[in-house]
PDB file of N, CA and C in Angstrom:
ATOM      1  N   UNK A   1     105.991 -76.794 -31.520  1.00  0.00           N
ATOM      2  CA  UNK A   1     107.466 -76.040 -31.635  1.00  0.00           C
ATOM      3  C   UNK A   1     107.332 -74.747 -32.354  1.00  0.00           C
ATOM      4  N   UNK A   2     107.778 -73.881 -31.629  1.00  0.00           N
ATOM      5  CA  UNK A   2     107.676 -72.529 -32.086  1.00  0.00           C
ATOM      6  C   UNK A   2     108.556 -72.360 -33.864  1.00  0.00           C
ATOM      7  N   UNK A   3     108.418 -71.373 -34.646  1.00  0.00           N
ATOM      8  CA  UNK A   3     108.452 -70.867 -35.581  1.00  0.00           C
ATOM      9  C   UNK A   3     110.348 -71.144 -35.608  1.00  0.00           C
ATOM     10  N   UNK A   4     110.205 -70.509 -34.770  1.00  0.00           N
ATOM     11  CA  UNK A   4     112.248 -70.112 -34.315  1.00  0.00           C
ATOM     12  C   UNK A   4     112.866 -71.289 -34.516  1.00  0.00           C
ATOM     13  N   UNK A   5     112.102 -72.464 -33.520  1.00  0.00           N
ATOM     14  CA  UNK A   5     113.045 -73.898 -33.408  1.00  0.00           C
ATOM     15  C   UNK A   5     112.902 -74.656 -34.511  1.00  0.00           C
ATOM     16  N   UNK A   6     111.938 -74.518 -35.453  1.00  0.00           N
ATOM     17  CA  UNK A   6     111.508 -75.349 -36.432  1.00  0.00           C
ATOM     18  C   UNK A   6     112.570 -74.833 -37.689  1.00  0.00           C
ATOM     19  N   UNK A   7     112.790 -72.985 -37.914  1.00  0.00           N
ATOM     20  CA  UNK A   7     114.168 -72.694 -38.585  1.00  0.00           C
ATOM     21  C   UNK A   7     115.127 -73.349 -38.370  1.00  0.00           C
ATOM     22  N   UNK A   8     115.755 -73.212 -37.001  1.00  0.00           N
ATOM     23  CA  UNK A   8     116.646 -73.899 -36.398  1.00  0.00           C
ATOM     24  C   UNK A   8     116.836 -74.958 -37.083  1.00  0.00           C
ATOM     25  N   UNK A   9     115.670 -75.963 -36.951  1.00  0.00           N
ATOM     26  CA  UNK A   9     115.980 -77.577 -36.793  1.00  0.00           C
ATOM     27  C   UNK A   9     116.211 -77.692 -38.671  1.00  0.00           C
ATOM     28  N   UNK A  10     115.507 -76.773 -39.441  1.00  0.00           N
ATOM     29  CA  UNK A  10     115.268 -77.347 -40.655  1.00  0.00           C
ATOM     30  C   UNK A  10     116.842 -76.201 -41.335  1.00  0.00           C
ATOM     31  N   UNK A  11     117.189 -75.858 -40.741  1.00  0.00           N
ATOM     32  CA  UNK A  11     118.628 -75.124 -41.168  1.00  0.00           C
ATOM     33  C   UNK A  11     120.109 -75.936 -40.784  1.00  0.00           C
ATOM     34  N   UNK A  12     120.004 -77.470 -39.666  1.00  0.00           N
ATOM     35  CA  UNK A  12     120.816 -78.195 -39.439  1.00  0.00           C
ATOM     36  C   UNK A  12     121.411 -78.729 -40.749  1.00  0.00           C
ATOM     37  N   UNK A  13     120.218 -78.993 -41.713  1.00  0.00           N
ATOM     38  CA  UNK A  13     121.057 -80.080 -42.909  1.00  0.00           C
ATOM     39  C   UNK A  13     121.856 -79.308 -44.320  1.00  0.00           C
ATOM     40  N   UNK A  14     121.517 -78.031 -44.066  1.00  0.00           N
ATOM     41  CA  UNK A  14     122.405 -77.041 -44.991  1.00  0.00           C
ATOM     42  C   UNK A  14     123.508 -76.414 -44.251  1.00  0.00           C
ATOM     43  N   UNK A  15     123.777 -76.324 -43.255  1.00  0.00           N
ATOM     44  CA  UNK A  15     124.892 -75.866 -42.424  1.00  0.00           C
ATOM     45  C   UNK A  15     126.072 -77.452 -42.482  1.00  0.00           C
ATOM     46  N   UNK A  16     125.317 -78.662 -42.140  1.00  0.00           N
ATOM     47  CA  UNK A  16     125.921 -79.862 -42.115  1.00  0.00           C
ATOM     48  C   UNK A  16     127.020 -79.699 -43.996  1.00  0.00           C
ATOM     49  N   UNK A  17     125.868 -79.665 -45.000  1.00  0.00           N
ATOM     50  CA  UNK A  17     126.327 -79.866 -46.149  1.00  0.00           C
ATOM     51  C   UNK A  17     127.419 -78.918 -46.398  1.00  0.00           C
ATOM     52  N   UNK A  18     127.123 -77.428 -45.717  1.00  0.00           N
ATOM     53  CA  UNK A  18     128.180 -76.433 -45.830  1.00  0.00           C
ATOM     54  C   UNK A  18     129.466 -77.145 -45.248  1.00  0.00           C
ATOM     55  N   UNK A  19     129.529 -77.649 -44.346  1.00  0.00           N
ATOM     56  CA  UNK A  19     130.929 -78.047 -43.683  1.00  0.00           C
ATOM     57  C   UNK A  19     131.327 -79.070 -44.753  1.00  0.00           C
ATOM     58  N   UNK A  20     130.819 -79.829 -45.371  1.00  0.00           N
ATOM     59  CA  UNK A  20     131.318 -80.879 -46.088  1.00  0.00           C
ATOM     60  C   UNK A  20     132.010 -80.329 -47.342  1.00  0.00           C
ATOM     61  N   UNK A  21     130.930 -78.989 -47.654  1.00  0.00           N
ATOM     62  CA  UNK A  21     131.464 -78.899 -49.070  1.00  0.00           C
ATOM     63  C   UNK A  21     133.069 -77.710 -48.581  1.00  0.00           C
ATOM     64  N   UNK A  22     133.028 -77.370 -47.527  1.00  0.00           N
ATOM     65  CA  UNK A  22     134.162 -76.273 -47.127  1.00  0.00           C
ATOM     66  C   UNK A  22     135.075 -77.097 -46.636  1.00  0.00           C
ATOM     67  N   UNK A  23     135.081 -78.322 -46.506  1.00  0.00           N
ATOM     68  CA  UNK A  23     136.132 -79.294 -46.421  1.00  0.00           C
ATOM     69  C   UNK A  23     136.731 -79.337 -47.542  1.00  0.00           C
ATOM     70  N   UNK A  24     135.484 -80.375 -48.319  1.00  0.00           N
ATOM     71  CA  UNK A  24     136.220 -80.821 -49.900  1.00  0.00           C
ATOM     72  C   UNK A  24     136.903 -79.890 -50.353  1.00  0.00           C
ATOM     73  N   UNK A  25     136.622 -78.692 -50.546  1.00  0.00           N
ATOM     74  CA  UNK A  25     137.441 -77.369 -51.000  1.00  0.00           C
ATOM     75  C   UNK A  25     138.631 -76.611 -50.587  1.00  0.00           C
ATOM     76  N   UNK A  26     138.497 -77.308 -49.146  1.00  0.00           N
ATOM     77  CA  UNK A  26     140.061 -77.192 -48.306  1.00  0.00           C
ATOM     78  C   UNK A  26     139.735 -75.697 -47.359  1.00  0.00           C
ATOM     79  N   UNK A  27     138.746 -75.429 -46.990  1.00  0.00           N
ATOM     80  CA  UNK A  27     138.167 -73.977 -46.498  1.00  0.00           C
ATOM     81  C   UNK A  27     138.545 -74.035 -45.334  1.00  0.00           C
ATOM     82  N   UNK A  28     139.411 -74.342 -44.347  1.00  0.00           N
ATOM     83  CA  UNK A  28     139.684 -74.997 -43.053  1.00  0.00           C
ATOM     84  C   UNK A  28     138.856 -73.875 -41.841  1.00  0.00           C
ATOM     85  N   UNK A  29     139.186 -72.359 -42.415  1.00  0.00           N
ATOM     86  CA  UNK A  29     138.386 -71.645 -41.966  1.00  0.00           C
ATOM     87  C   UNK A  29     137.091 -71.099 -41.807  1.00  0.00           C
ATOM     88  N   UNK A  30     136.422 -71.458 -43.180  1.00  0.00           N
ATOM     89  CA  UNK A  30     134.625 -71.676 -43.142  1.00  0.00           C
ATOM     90  C   UNK A  30     134.387 -72.853 -42.545  1.00  0.00           C
ATOM     91  N   UNK A  31     135.388 -74.189 -42.602  1.00  0.00           N
ATOM     92  CA  UNK A  31     134.767 -74.962 -42.457  1.00  0.00           C
ATOM     93  C   UNK A  31     135.008 -75.335 -40.698  1.00  0.00           C
ATOM     94  N   UNK A  32     135.659 -74.369 -40.150  1.00  0.00           N
ATOM     95  CA  UNK A  32     135.754 -74.206 -38.409  1.00  0.00           C
ATOM     96  C   UNK A  32     134.101 -73.110 -38.012  1.00  0.00           C
ATOM     97  N   UNK A  33     134.575 -72.457 -39.057  1.00  0.00           N
ATOM     98  CA  UNK A  33     133.141 -71.324 -38.616  1.00  0.00           C
ATOM     99  C   UNK A  33     131.559 -72.027 -39.073  1.00  0.00           C
ATOM    100  N   UNK A  34     131.709 -72.826 -39.999  1.00  0.00           N
ATOM    101  CA  UNK A  34     130.390 -73.558 -39.878  1.00  0.00           C
ATOM    102  C   UNK A  34     130.197 -74.902 -39.102  1.00  0.00           C
ATOM    103  N   UNK A  35     131.401 -75.306 -38.450  1.00  0.00           N
ATOM    104  CA  UNK A  35     131.038 -76.423 -37.400  1.00  0.00           C
ATOM    105  C   UNK A  35     130.846 -75.507 -36.043  1.00  0.00           C
ATOM    106  N   UNK A  36     131.350 -74.720 -35.724  1.00  0.00           N
ATOM    107  CA  UNK A  36     130.817 -73.409 -34.568  1.00  0.00           C
ATOM    108  C   UNK A  36     129.200 -73.338 -34.588  1.00  0.00           C
ATOM    109  N   UNK A  37     128.865 -73.018 -35.764  1.00  0.00           N
ATOM    110  CA  UNK A  37     127.682 -73.082 -35.945  1.00  0.00           C
ATOM    111  C   UNK A  37     126.349 -73.861 -35.975  1.00  0.00           C
ATOM    112  N   UNK A  38     127.031 -75.097 -36.554  1.00  0.00           N
ATOM    113  CA  UNK A  38     126.178 -76.125 -36.339  1.00  0.00           C
ATOM    114  C   UNK A  38     125.901 -76.540 -34.758  1.00  0.00           C
ATOM    115  N   UNK A  39     127.164 -76.645 -34.004  1.00  0.00           N
ATOM    116  CA  UNK A  39     127.513 -76.905 -32.424  1.00  0.00           C
ATOM    117  C   UNK A  39     126.661 -76.076 -31.590  1.00  0.00           C
ATOM    118  N   UNK A  40     126.552 -74.575 -32.297  1.00  0.00           N
ATOM    119  CA  UNK A  40     125.393 -73.356 -31.185  1.00  0.00           C
ATOM    120  C   UNK A  40     124.039 -73.916 -32.088  1.00  0.00           C
ATOM    121  N   UNK A  41     123.526 -74.447 -32.758  1.00  0.00           N
ATOM    122  CA  UNK A  41     122.541 -74.488 -33.054  1.00  0.00           C
ATOM    123  C   UNK A  41     121.832 -75.804 -32.662  1.00  0.00           C
ATOM    124  N   UNK A  42     122.558 -76.468 -32.636  1.00  0.00           N
ATOM    125  CA  UNK A  42     122.473 -78.137 -31.917  1.00  0.00           C
ATOM    126  C   UNK A  42     121.961 -77.222 -30.405  1.00  0.00           C
ATOM    127  N   UNK A  43     122.960 -76.727 -29.954  1.00  0.00           N
ATOM    128  CA  UNK A  43     122.639 -76.085 -28.358  1.00  0.00           C
ATOM    129  C   UNK A  43     121.524 -75.577 -27.752  1.00  0.00           C
ATOM    130  N   UNK A  44     120.914 -74.558 -28.862  1.00  0.00           N
ATOM    131  CA  UNK A  44     120.099 -74.183 -29.183  1.00  0.00           C
ATOM    132  C   UNK A  44     118.895 -74.961 -28.884  1.00  0.00           C
ATOM    133  N   UNK A  45     118.648 -76.099 -29.899  1.00  0.00           N
ATOM    134  CA  UNK A  45     117.519 -77.148 -30.103  1.00  0.00           C
ATOM    135  C   UNK A  45     117.642 -77.870 -28.681  1.00  0.00           C
ATOM    136  N   UNK A  46     118.597 -78.400 -27.979  1.00  0.00           N
ATOM    137  CA  UNK A  46     118.617 -78.914 -26.731  1.00  0.00           C
ATOM    138  C   UNK A  46     118.150 -78.477 -25.567  1.00  0.00           C
ATOM    139  N   UNK A  47     118.322 -77.301 -25.740  1.00  0.00           N
ATOM    140  CA  UNK A  47     117.751 -76.617 -24.403  1.00  0.00           C
ATOM    141  C   UNK A  47     115.759 -76.340 -24.396  1.00  0.00           C
ATOM    142  N   UNK A  48     115.681 -76.168 -23.152  1.00  0.00           N
ATOM    143  CA  UNK A  48     114.275 -76.015 -23.342  1.00  0.00           C
ATOM    144  C   UNK A  48     113.745 -74.962 -24.027  1.00  0.00           C
ATOM    145  N   UNK A  49     112.368 -75.511 -24.222  1.00  0.00           N
ATOM    146  CA  UNK A  49     111.392 -74.244 -25.095  1.00  0.00           C
ATOM    147  C   UNK A  49     111.403 -73.122 -24.063  1.00  0.00           C
ATOM    148  N   UNK A  50     111.459 -71.742 -24.696  1.00  0.00           N
ATOM    149  CA  UNK A  50     110.650 -70.795 -23.228  1.00  0.00           C
ATOM    150  C   UNK A  50     109.688 -70.684 -23.037  1.00  0.00           C
ATOM    151  N   UNK A  51     109.503 -70.726 -22.054  1.00  0.00           N
ATOM    152  CA  UNK A  51     107.483 -70.543 -21.837  1.00  0.00           C
ATOM    153  C   UNK A  51     107.100 -68.915 -22.901  1.00  0.00           C
ATOM    154  N   UNK A  52     106.323 -69.268 -23.142  1.00  0.00           N
ATOM    155  CA  UNK A  52     105.464 -68.182 -23.602  1.00  0.00           C
ATOM    156  C   UNK A  52     105.410 -66.727 -22.756  1.00  0.00           C
ATOM    157  N   UNK A  53     105.694 -65.531 -23.467  1.00  0.00           N
ATOM    158  CA  UNK A  53     105.251 -64.093 -22.873  1.00  0.00           C
ATOM    159  C   UNK A  53     104.089 -63.765 -22.592  1.00  0.00           C
ATOM    160  N   UNK A  54     104.229 -63.592 -21.751  1.00  0.00           N
ATOM    161  CA  UNK A  54     102.567 -63.054 -21.265  1.00  0.00           C
ATOM    162  C   UNK A  54     102.177 -61.901 -21.978  1.00  0.00           C
ATOM    163  N   UNK A  55     100.803 -61.532 -22.341  1.00  0.00           N
ATOM    164  CA  UNK A  55     100.444 -60.387 -23.075  1.00  0.00           C
ATOM    165  C   UNK A  55      99.994 -59.479 -22.039  1.00  0.00           C
ATOM    166  N   UNK A  56      99.849 -58.309 -22.664  1.00  0.00           N
ATOM    167  CA  UNK A  56      99.444 -57.099 -22.204  1.00  0.00           C
ATOM    168  C   UNK A  56      98.290 -56.557 -22.604  1.00  0.00           C
ATOM    169  N   UNK A  57      97.227 -57.005 -21.887  1.00  0.00           N
ATOM    170  CA  UNK A  57      95.326 -56.942 -22.795  1.00  0.00           C
ATOM    171  C   UNK A  57      94.893 -55.475 -22.766  1.00  0.00           C
ATOM    172  N   UNK A  58      94.794 -54.922 -23.845  1.00  0.00           N
ATOM    173  CA  UNK A  58      94.436 -53.419 -23.903  1.00  0.00           C
ATOM    174  C   UNK A  58      93.005 -53.207 -24.174  1.00  0.00           C
ATOM    175  N   UNK A  59      92.179 -52.826 -23.391  1.00  0.00           N
ATOM    176  CA  UNK A  59      90.669 -52.947 -23.458  1.00  0.00           C
ATOM    177  C   UNK A  59      90.329 -51.068 -23.773  1.00  0.00           C
ATOM    178  N   UNK A  60      89.991 -51.193 -25.073  1.00  0.00           N
ATOM    179  CA  UNK A  60      89.422 -49.777 -25.365  1.00  0.00           C
ATOM    180  C   UNK A  60      88.310 -49.284 -24.593  1.00  0.00           C
ATOM    181  N   UNK A  61      88.477 -48.260 -24.353  1.00  0.00           N
ATOM    182  CA  UNK A  61      86.791 -47.159 -24.045  1.00  0.00           C
ATOM    183  C   UNK A  61      85.971 -47.193 -24.897  1.00  0.00           C
ATOM    184  N   UNK A  62      84.552 -47.601 -24.019  1.00  0.00           N
ATOM    185  CA  UNK A  62      83.429 -47.938 -25.198  1.00  0.00           C
ATOM    186  C   UNK A  62      83.061 -46.681 -25.298  1.00  0.00           C
ATOM    187  N   UNK A  63      82.746 -45.943 -26.856  1.00  0.00           N
ATOM    188  CA  UNK A  63      82.292 -45.103 -27.114  1.00  0.00           C
ATOM    189  C   UNK A  63      81.317 -44.411 -26.093  1.00  0.00           C
ATOM    190  N   UNK A  64      80.794 -43.246 -26.493  1.00  0.00           N
ATOM    191  CA  UNK A  64      80.515 -42.178 -25.563  1.00  0.00           C
ATOM    192  C   UNK A  64      79.209 -41.455 -26.790  1.00  0.00           C
ATOM    193  N   UNK A  65      78.526 -40.550 -26.243  1.00  0.00           N
ATOM    194  CA  UNK A  65      77.559 -39.513 -26.787  1.00  0.00           C
ATOM    195  C   UNK A  65      78.981 -38.368 -27.632  1.00  0.00           C
ATOM    196  N   UNK A  66      79.173 -37.914 -28.080  1.00  0.00           N
ATOM    197  CA  UNK A  66      80.122 -36.758 -28.375  1.00  0.00           C
ATOM    198  C   UNK A  66      81.299 -37.434 -28.249  1.00  0.00           C
ATOM    199  N   UNK A  67      81.678 -38.541 -28.196  1.00  0.00           N
ATOM    200  CA  UNK A  67      83.068 -39.250 -28.151  1.00  0.00           C
ATOM    201  C   UNK A  67      83.156 -40.437 -29.015  1.00  0.00           C
ATOM    202  N   UNK A  68      82.677 -40.493 -30.456  1.00  0.00           N
ATOM    203  CA  UNK A  68      82.122 -42.131 -30.812  1.00  0.00           C
ATOM    204  C   UNK A  68      83.456 -42.778 -30.909  1.00  0.00           C
ATOM    205  N   UNK A  69      84.689 -42.468 -31.055  1.00  0.00           N
ATOM    206  CA  UNK A  69      85.846 -43.430 -31.251  1.00  0.00           C
ATOM    207  C   UNK A  69      86.653 -42.448 -30.496  1.00  0.00           C
ATOM    208  N   UNK A  70      86.731 -43.068 -29.079  1.00  0.00           N
ATOM    209  CA  UNK A  70      87.678 -42.460 -28.007  1.00  0.00           C
ATOM    210  C   UNK A  70      88.915 -42.830 -28.486  1.00  0.00           C
ATOM    211  N   UNK A  71      89.618 -44.294 -28.903  1.00  0.00           N
ATOM    212  CA  UNK A  71      91.017 -44.283 -28.959  1.00  0.00           C
ATOM    213  C   UNK A  71      91.961 -44.136 -27.416  1.00  0.00           C
ATOM    214  N   UNK A  72      91.024 -44.498 -26.778  1.00  0.00           N
ATOM    215  CA  UNK A  72      91.995 -44.433 -24.945  1.00  0.00           C
ATOM    216  C   UNK A  72      91.617 -46.342 -24.578  1.00  0.00           C
ATOM    217  N   UNK A  73      92.782 -46.518 -24.544  1.00  0.00           N
ATOM    218  CA  UNK A  73      93.107 -48.022 -23.840  1.00  0.00           C
ATOM    219  C   UNK A  73      93.122 -47.891 -22.813  1.00  0.00           C
ATOM    220  N   UNK A  74      92.568 -49.256 -21.632  1.00  0.00           N
ATOM    221  CA  UNK A  74      93.190 -49.135 -20.170  1.00  0.00           C
ATOM    222  C   UNK A  74      94.332 -50.590 -20.792  1.00  0.00           C
ATOM    223  N   UNK A  75      95.414 -50.473 -20.008  1.00  0.00           N
ATOM    224  CA  UNK A  75      96.357 -51.674 -20.016  1.00  0.00           C
ATOM    225  C   UNK A  75      96.347 -52.672 -18.968  1.00  0.00           C
ATOM    226  N   UNK A  76      96.131 -54.106 -18.892  1.00  0.00           N
ATOM    227  CA  UNK A  76      96.096 -55.153 -17.904  1.00  0.00           C
ATOM    228  C   UNK A  76      96.932 -55.211 -16.927  1.00  0.00           C
ATOM    229  N   UNK A  77      98.353 -54.169 -17.549  1.00  0.00           N
ATOM    230  CA  UNK A  77      99.404 -53.377 -16.226  1.00  0.00           C
ATOM    231  C   UNK A  77      98.922 -51.879 -15.629  1.00  0.00           C
ATOM    232  N   UNK A  78      97.391 -51.895 -15.576  1.00  0.00           N
ATOM    233  CA  UNK A  78      97.309 -50.460 -14.792  1.00  0.00           C
ATOM    234  C   UNK A  78      97.385 -49.109 -15.314  1.00  0.00           C
ATOM    235  N   UNK A  79      97.379 -49.063 -16.817  1.00  0.00           N
ATOM    236  CA  UNK A  79      97.820 -47.743 -17.315  1.00  0.00           C
ATOM    237  C   UNK A  79      96.659 -47.551 -18.347  1.00  0.00           C
ATOM    238  N   UNK A  80      97.057 -46.085 -18.986  1.00  0.00           N
ATOM    239  CA  UNK A  80      96.017 -45.909 -19.891  1.00  0.00           C
ATOM    240  C   UNK A  80      96.777 -45.210 -20.609  1.00  0.00           C
ATOM    241  N   UNK A  81      96.255 -45.294 -22.278  1.00  0.00           N
ATOM    242  CA  UNK A  81      96.984 -44.852 -23.540  1.00  0.00           C
ATOM    243  C   UNK A  81      96.156 -44.113 -24.317  1.00  0.00           C
ATOM    244  N   UNK A  82      96.289 -43.531 -24.839  1.00  0.00           N
ATOM    245  CA  UNK A  82      95.244 -42.678 -25.759  1.00  0.00           C
ATOM    246  C   UNK A  82      96.376 -42.282 -27.142  1.00  0.00           C
ATOM    247  N   UNK A  83      95.360 -42.381 -28.227  1.00  0.00           N
ATOM    248  CA  UNK A  83      95.899 -42.367 -29.532  1.00  0.00           C
ATOM    249  C   UNK A  83      95.426 -40.943 -30.119  1.00  0.00           C
ATOM    250  N   UNK A  84      96.126 -40.214 -30.915  1.00  0.00           N
ATOM    251  CA  UNK A  84      95.421 -39.177 -31.460  1.00  0.00           C
ATOM    252  C   UNK A  84      94.618 -39.541 -32.406  1.00  0.00           C
ATOM    253  N   UNK A  85      94.867 -40.698 -33.309  1.00  0.00           N
ATOM    254  CA  UNK A  85      94.003 -40.903 -34.286  1.00  0.00           C
ATOM    255  C   UNK A  85      94.674 -42.614 -34.709  1.00  0.00           C
ATOM    256  N   UNK A  86      93.184 -43.270 -34.951  1.00  0.00           N
ATOM    257  CA  UNK A  86      93.541 -44.380 -35.128  1.00  0.00           C
ATOM    258  C   UNK A  86      93.345 -45.536 -33.583  1.00  0.00           C
ATOM    259  N   UNK A  87      93.730 -46.364 -33.930  1.00  0.00           N
ATOM    260  CA  UNK A  87      93.838 -47.604 -32.745  1.00  0.00           C
ATOM    261  C   UNK A  87      95.457 -48.188 -32.428  1.00  0.00           C
ATOM    262  N   UNK A  88      95.060 -49.387 -31.921  1.00  0.00           N
ATOM    263  CA  UNK A  88      96.455 -50.147 -31.687  1.00  0.00           C
ATOM    264  C   UNK A  88      97.039 -50.346 -32.966  1.00  0.00           C
ATOM    265  N   UNK A  89      96.580 -51.303 -33.707  1.00  0.00           N
ATOM    266  CA  UNK A  89      96.874 -51.709 -35.320  1.00  0.00           C
ATOM    267  C   UNK A  89      96.854 -50.827 -35.783  1.00  0.00           C
ATOM    268  N   UNK A  90      96.221 -49.377 -36.164  1.00  0.00           N
ATOM    269  CA  UNK A  90      96.432 -48.675 -36.993  1.00  0.00           C
ATOM    270  C   UNK A  90      98.024 -47.634 -36.811  1.00  0.00           C
ATOM    271  N   UNK A  91      98.151 -47.807 -35.547  1.00  0.00           N
ATOM    272  CA  UNK A  91      99.417 -47.603 -34.914  1.00  0.00           C
ATOM    273  C   UNK A  91     100.610 -48.045 -35.315  1.00  0.00           C
ATOM    274  N   UNK A  92     100.169 -49.177 -35.742  1.00  0.00           N
ATOM    275  CA  UNK A  92     101.554 -50.483 -35.467  1.00  0.00           C
ATOM    276  C   UNK A  92     101.925 -50.837 -34.141  1.00  0.00           C
ATOM    277  N   UNK A  93     101.170 -50.856 -33.383  1.00  0.00           N
ATOM    278  CA  UNK A  93     101.650 -51.127 -31.659  1.00  0.00           C
ATOM    279  C   UNK A  93     101.879 -52.308 -31.614  1.00  0.00           C
ATOM    280  N   UNK A  94     103.039 -52.940 -31.315  1.00  0.00           N
ATOM    281  CA  UNK A  94     102.984 -54.545 -30.956  1.00  0.00           C
ATOM    282  C   UNK A  94     103.211 -54.779 -29.393  1.00  0.00           C
ATOM    283  N   UNK A  95     103.847 -53.324 -28.680  1.00  0.00           N
ATOM    284  CA  UNK A  95     104.324 -53.936 -27.317  1.00  0.00           C
ATOM    285  C   UNK A  95     104.025 -52.765 -26.412  1.00  0.00           C
ATOM    286  N   UNK A  96     103.310 -53.075 -25.148  1.00  0.00           N
ATOM    287  CA  UNK A  96     103.022 -52.315 -24.197  1.00  0.00           C
ATOM    288  C   UNK A  96     104.197 -51.064 -24.150  1.00  0.00           C
ATOM    289  N   UNK A  97     103.891 -49.978 -23.506  1.00  0.00           N
ATOM    290  CA  UNK A  97     104.744 -48.825 -23.983  1.00  0.00           C
ATOM    291  C   UNK A  97     104.819 -48.830 -22.294  1.00  0.00           C
ATOM    292  N   UNK A  98     104.288 -49.534 -21.389  1.00  0.00           N
ATOM    293  CA  UNK A  98     104.692 -49.243 -19.936  1.00  0.00           C
ATOM    294  C   UNK A  98     105.570 -50.687 -19.471  1.00  0.00           C
ATOM    295  N   UNK A  99     104.929 -51.816 -19.470  1.00  0.00           N
ATOM    296  CA  UNK A  99     105.470 -52.958 -19.277  1.00  0.00           C
ATOM    297  C   UNK A  99     106.622 -53.874 -20.309  1.00  0.00           C
ATOM    298  N   UNK A 100     106.472 -53.526 -21.361  1.00  0.00           N
ATOM    299  CA  UNK A 100     106.932 -54.529 -22.907  1.00  0.00           C
ATOM    300  C   UNK A 100     107.000 -55.331 -23.046  1.00  0.00           C
ATOM    301  N   UNK A 101     105.622 -56.069 -22.736  1.00  0.00           N
ATOM    302  CA  UNK A 101     104.871 -57.027 -22.903  1.00  0.00           C
ATOM    303  C   UNK A 101     104.078 -56.927 -24.585  1.00  0.00           C
ATOM    304  N   UNK A 102     103.870 -58.330 -25.327  1.00  0.00           N
ATOM    305  CA  UNK A 102     103.083 -57.864 -26.690  1.00  0.00           C
ATOM    306  C   UNK A 102     101.521 -57.568 -25.903  1.00  0.00           C
ATOM    307  N   UNK A 103     101.309 -56.373 -27.207  1.00  0.00           N
ATOM    308  CA  UNK A 103      99.706 -55.919 -26.671  1.00  0.00           C
ATOM    309  C   UNK A 103      98.957 -57.175 -27.655  1.00  0.00           C
ATOM    310  N   UNK A 104      97.705 -57.370 -26.477  1.00  0.00           N
ATOM    311  CA  UNK A 104      96.832 -58.076 -27.003  1.00  0.00           C
ATOM    312  C   UNK A 104      94.730 -57.135 -26.778  1.00  0.00           C
ATOM    313  N   UNK A 105      94.937 -56.998 -27.919  1.00  0.00           N
ATOM    314  CA  UNK A 105      93.289 -55.786 -27.828  1.00  0.00           C
ATOM    315  C   UNK A 105      92.011 -57.213 -27.055  1.00  0.00           C
ATOM    316  N   UNK A 106      91.487 -56.629 -26.345  1.00  0.00           N
ATOM    317  CA  UNK A 106      90.417 -57.072 -26.139  1.00  0.00           C
ATOM    318  C   UNK A 106      89.582 -57.150 -26.856  1.00  0.00           C
ATOM    319  N   UNK A 107      88.399 -57.274 -27.447  1.00  0.00           N
ATOM    320  CA  UNK A 107      87.292 -57.393 -27.955  1.00  0.00           C
ATOM    321  C   UNK A 107      86.624 -56.775 -27.598  1.00  0.00           C
ATOM    322  N   UNK A 108      85.893 -55.391 -28.255  1.00  0.00           N
ATOM    323  CA  UNK A 108      84.436 -54.476 -27.562  1.00  0.00           C
ATOM    324  C   UNK A 108      83.280 -55.282 -27.543  1.00  0.00           C
ATOM    325  N   UNK A 109      82.785 -54.894 -26.455  1.00  0.00           N
ATOM    326  CA  UNK A 109      81.165 -55.987 -26.355  1.00  0.00           C
ATOM    327  C   UNK A 109      80.743 -55.747 -27.526  1.00  0.00           C
ATOM    328  N   UNK A 110      79.718 -56.426 -27.654  1.00  0.00           N
ATOM    329  CA  UNK A 110      79.043 -57.510 -29.073  1.00  0.00           C
ATOM    330  C   UNK A 110      77.966 -55.803 -29.017  1.00  0.00           C
ATOM    331  N   UNK A 111      77.748 -55.179 -28.068  1.00  0.00           N
ATOM    332  CA  UNK A 111      76.494 -54.345 -28.562  1.00  0.00           C
ATOM    333  C   UNK A 111      77.167 -52.607 -28.895  1.00  0.00           C
ATOM    334  N   UNK A 112      78.412 -53.114 -28.888  1.00  0.00           N
ATOM    335  CA  UNK A 112      79.441 -51.373 -28.969  1.00  0.00           C
ATOM    336  C   UNK A 112      79.765 -51.730 -30.374  1.00  0.00           C
ATOM    337  N   UNK A 113      80.121 -52.930 -31.007  1.00  0.00           N
ATOM    338  CA  UNK A 113      80.613 -52.817 -32.045  1.00  0.00           C
ATOM    339  C   UNK A 113      80.096 -52.981 -33.054  1.00  0.00           C
ATOM    340  N   UNK A 114      80.587 -52.008 -34.222  1.00  0.00           N
ATOM    341  CA  UNK A 114      80.314 -51.020 -35.039  1.00  0.00           C
ATOM    342  C   UNK A 114      80.048 -52.177 -36.448  1.00  0.00           C
TER     343      UNK A 114
END
C-alpha cells in the first residue's frame, strides 16, 4: 500500500467524526462538504492502485585523469546532462529534465568508488 493510500485510509475516521460533529452542531454546509470529501476518499480507495512510475536511470561518467569528477551523466532515456558543480543529489534533482521520470542514479563500478 502506498503512503498516499494509507493516509487516505487513516483519514476516513476523522472525516466521519467531523461529519457527526457538524450534524450535531447544525452546520448543514459543513456536513455536506465533509460528506462529499468522505465519498471522494472512498472512491479513490476503491480505484485500483496506480502502477509504479518507471525511473530514468542516470549513470555517471567514470573519472579520468585530469577530470576526476566529471559530473556528467548518461540517462536511460538517451540524453546526457552535466552539472557545473556536484551531482544529482547535490543539486536536488529528482526528475529527469528530458523524460520527466523520477531519477535513479546507478552506482559507480566498485573500482571507481572513492
